[in-house]
Amino acid sequence: MPILALMSTKKDSGNDTSPSGNEIVMEKLGNRIKTLRLQKGYSSHEKFAYEHNFNRSQYFRYEHGEDLRFSTLLKIVTAFNMTMEEFFSQGFD
């Protein structure tokens, strides 16, 4: 499912405790960031964050699906030496 389709998924009203479309996308985004860090050979999020001028605790939150600004996402994608298209090409099915 394309990322925009995921984001437009609406949560039913009522007592449903399943994650919303935005929560699912943020979780996938965090997983993608973590996967790329590990592929780049960084076993520690702290070392990656330090070497790329991210706040270590905030970077940890990004990898765990916390909300982030678009400018921060651009900085992360740049740190992985990728384009946005390359970044979103995997992990968002």
C-alpha atoms as a PDB file:
ATOM      1  CA  MET A   1       0.000   0.000   0.000  1.00  0.00           C
ATOM      2  CA  PRO A   2       1.460   3.407  -0.950  1.00  0.00           C
ATOM      3  CA  ILE A   3       2.471   5.648   1.933  1.00  0.00           C
ATOM      4  CA  LEU A   4      -0.170   8.269   1.131  1.00  0.00           C
ATOM      5  CA  ALA A   5      -2.863   5.607   1.191  1.00  0.00           C
ATOM      6  CA  LEU A   6      -1.635   4.491   4.605  1.00  0.00           C
ATOM      7  CA  MET A   7      -1.739   8.027   5.922  1.00  0.00           C
ATOM      8  CA  SER A   8      -5.323   8.533   4.790  1.00  0.00           C
ATOM      9  CA  THR A   9      -6.575   5.437   6.603  1.00  0.00           C
ATOM     10  CA  LYS A  10      -9.137   6.552   9.145  1.00  0.00           C
ATOM     11  CA  LYS A  11      -9.552   4.980  12.534  1.00  0.00           C
ATOM     12  CA  ASP A  12     -13.072   3.834  13.336  1.00  0.00           C
ATOM     13  CA  SER A  13     -14.736   5.564  16.232  1.00  0.00           C
ATOM     14  CA  GLY A  14     -15.570   3.616  19.319  1.00  0.00           C
ATOM     15  CA  ASN A  15     -13.389   1.462  21.528  1.00  0.00           C
ATOM     16  CA  ASP A  16     -11.030   0.310  18.790  1.00  0.00           C
ATOM     17  CA  THR A  17      -7.470   0.330  20.165  1.00  0.00           C
ATOM     18  CA  SER A  18      -5.743  -0.594  16.896  1.00  0.00           C
ATOM     19  CA  PRO A  19      -3.154   1.909  15.668  1.00  0.00           C
ATOM     20  CA  SER A  20      -4.238   4.672  13.306  1.00  0.00           C
ATOM     21  CA  GLY A  21      -2.828   5.018   9.802  1.00  0.00           C
ATOM     22  CA  ASN A  22      -0.457   7.753  10.962  1.00  0.00           C
ATOM     23  CA  GLU A  23       0.845   5.594  13.813  1.00  0.00           C
ATOM     24  CA  ILE A  24       1.504   2.756  11.379  1.00  0.00           C
ATOM     25  CA  VAL A  25       3.401   5.058   9.025  1.00  0.00           C
ATOM     26  CA  MET A  26       5.474   6.490  11.888  1.00  0.00           C
ATOM     27  CA  GLU A  27       6.345   2.989  13.071  1.00  0.00           C
ATOM     28  CA  LYS A  28       7.439   2.049   9.550  1.00  0.00           C
ATOM     29  CA  LEU A  29       9.435   5.267   9.303  1.00  0.00           C
ATOM     30  CA  GLY A  30      11.231   4.476  12.559  1.00  0.00           C
ATOM     31  CA  ASN A  31      11.937   0.925  11.414  1.00  0.00           C
ATOM     32  CA  ARG A  32      13.346   2.210   8.122  1.00  0.00           C
ATOM     33  CA  ILE A  33      15.648   4.655   9.910  1.00  0.00           C
ATOM     34  CA  LYS A  34      16.913   1.945  12.266  1.00  0.00           C
ATOM     35  CA  THR A  35      17.393  -0.581   9.445  1.00  0.00           C
ATOM     36  CA  LEU A  36      19.445   1.891   7.429  1.00  0.00           C
ATOM     37  CA  ARG A  37      21.601   2.767  10.432  1.00  0.00           C
ATOM     38  CA  LEU A  38      22.356  -0.902  11.019  1.00  0.00           C
ATOM     39  CA  GLN A  39      23.094  -1.424   7.308  1.00  0.00           C
ATOM     40  CA  LYS A  40      25.592   1.441   7.486  1.00  0.00           C
ATOM     41  CA  GLY A  41      27.429  -0.497  10.201  1.00  0.00           C
ATOM     42  CA  TYR A  42      26.348   1.493  13.246  1.00  0.00           C
ATOM     43  CA  SER A  43      25.312  -0.898  15.997  1.00  0.00           C
ATOM     44  CA  SER A  44      24.726   2.050  18.332  1.00  0.00           C
ATOM     45  CA  HIS A  45      22.150   4.740  17.657  1.00  0.00           C
ATOM     46  CA  GLU A  46      24.174   6.999  19.941  1.00  0.00           C
ATOM     47  CA  LYS A  47      27.314   6.798  17.802  1.00  0.00           C
ATOM     48  CA  PHE A  48      25.351   7.449  14.612  1.00  0.00           C
ATOM     49  CA  ALA A  49      23.557  10.400  16.210  1.00  0.00           C
ATOM     50  CA  TYR A  50      26.795  11.853  17.563  1.00  0.00           C
ATOM     51  CA  GLU A  51      28.645  11.534  14.244  1.00  0.00           C
ATOM     52  CA  HIS A  52      25.783  13.147  12.311  1.00  0.00           C
ATOM     53  CA  ASN A  53      24.989  15.946  14.793  1.00  0.00           C
ATOM     54  CA  PHE A  54      21.650  14.656  16.074  1.00  0.00           C
ATOM     55  CA  ASN A  55      20.583  14.827  19.684  1.00  0.00           C
ATOM     56  CA  ARG A  56      21.080  11.221  20.822  1.00  0.00           C
ATOM     57  CA  SER A  57      17.868  10.895  22.802  1.00  0.00           C
ATOM     58  CA  GLN A  58      15.818  12.565  20.068  1.00  0.00           C
ATOM     59  CA  TYR A  59      17.334  10.318  17.398  1.00  0.00           C
ATOM     60  CA  PHE A  60      16.372   7.298  19.544  1.00  0.00           C
ATOM     61  CA  ARG A  61      12.779   8.576  19.496  1.00  0.00           C
ATOM     62  CA  TYR A  62      12.826   8.846  15.695  1.00  0.00           C
ATOM     63  CA  GLU A  63      13.870   5.203  15.433  1.00  0.00           C
ATOM     64  CA  HIS A  64      10.943   4.287  17.667  1.00  0.00           C
ATOM     65  CA  GLY A  65       8.306   6.040  15.586  1.00  0.00           C
ATOM     66  CA  GLU A  66       8.017   9.376  17.341  1.00  0.00           C
ATOM     67  CA  ASP A  67       6.899  12.340  15.278  1.00  0.00           C
ATOM     68  CA  LEU A  68       9.584  14.365  13.529  1.00  0.00           C
ATOM     69  CA  ARG A  69       9.768  17.485  11.431  1.00  0.00           C
ATOM     70  CA  PHE A  70      10.212  17.264   7.676  1.00  0.00           C
ATOM     71  CA  SER A  71      13.505  19.163   7.919  1.00  0.00           C
ATOM     72  CA  THR A  72      14.745  16.512  10.368  1.00  0.00           C
ATOM     73  CA  LEU A  73      13.726  13.753   7.975  1.00  0.00           C
ATOM     74  CA  LEU A  74      15.704  15.491   5.224  1.00  0.00           C
ATOM     75  CA  LYS A  75      18.735  15.645   7.516  1.00  0.00           C
ATOM     76  CA  ILE A  76      18.404  11.925   8.326  1.00  0.00           C
ATOM     77  CA  VAL A  77      18.050  10.979   4.652  1.00  0.00           C
ATOM     78  CA  THR A  78      21.104  13.098   3.839  1.00  0.00           C
ATOM     79  CA  ALA A  79      23.085  11.398   6.625  1.00  0.00           C
ATOM     80  CA  PHE A  80      22.355   8.082   4.908  1.00  0.00           C
ATOM     81  CA  ASN A  81      23.560   9.627   1.635  1.00  0.00           C
ATOM     82  CA  MET A  82      20.237   8.880  -0.050  1.00  0.00           C
ATOM     83  CA  THR A  83      17.508  10.642  -1.956  1.00  0.00           C
ATOM     84  CA  MET A  84      13.974  10.774  -0.577  1.00  0.00           C
ATOM     85  CA  GLU A  85      12.921   8.399  -3.347  1.00  0.00           C
ATOM     86  CA  GLU A  86      15.575   5.876  -2.285  1.00  0.00           C
ATOM     87  CA  PHE A  87      14.608   6.239   1.362  1.00  0.00           C
ATOM     88  CA  PHE A  88      10.926   5.553   0.737  1.00  0.00           C
ATOM     89  CA  SER A  89      11.550   2.803  -1.829  1.00  0.00           C
ATOM     90  CA  GLN A  90      11.552   0.096   0.865  1.00  0.00           C
ATOM     91  CA  GLY A  91       9.837  -0.587   4.158  1.00  0.00           C
ATOM     92  CA  PHE A  92       6.500   1.070   3.497  1.00  0.00           C
ATOM     93  CA  ASP A  93       4.465  -1.732   1.901  1.00  0.00           C
END
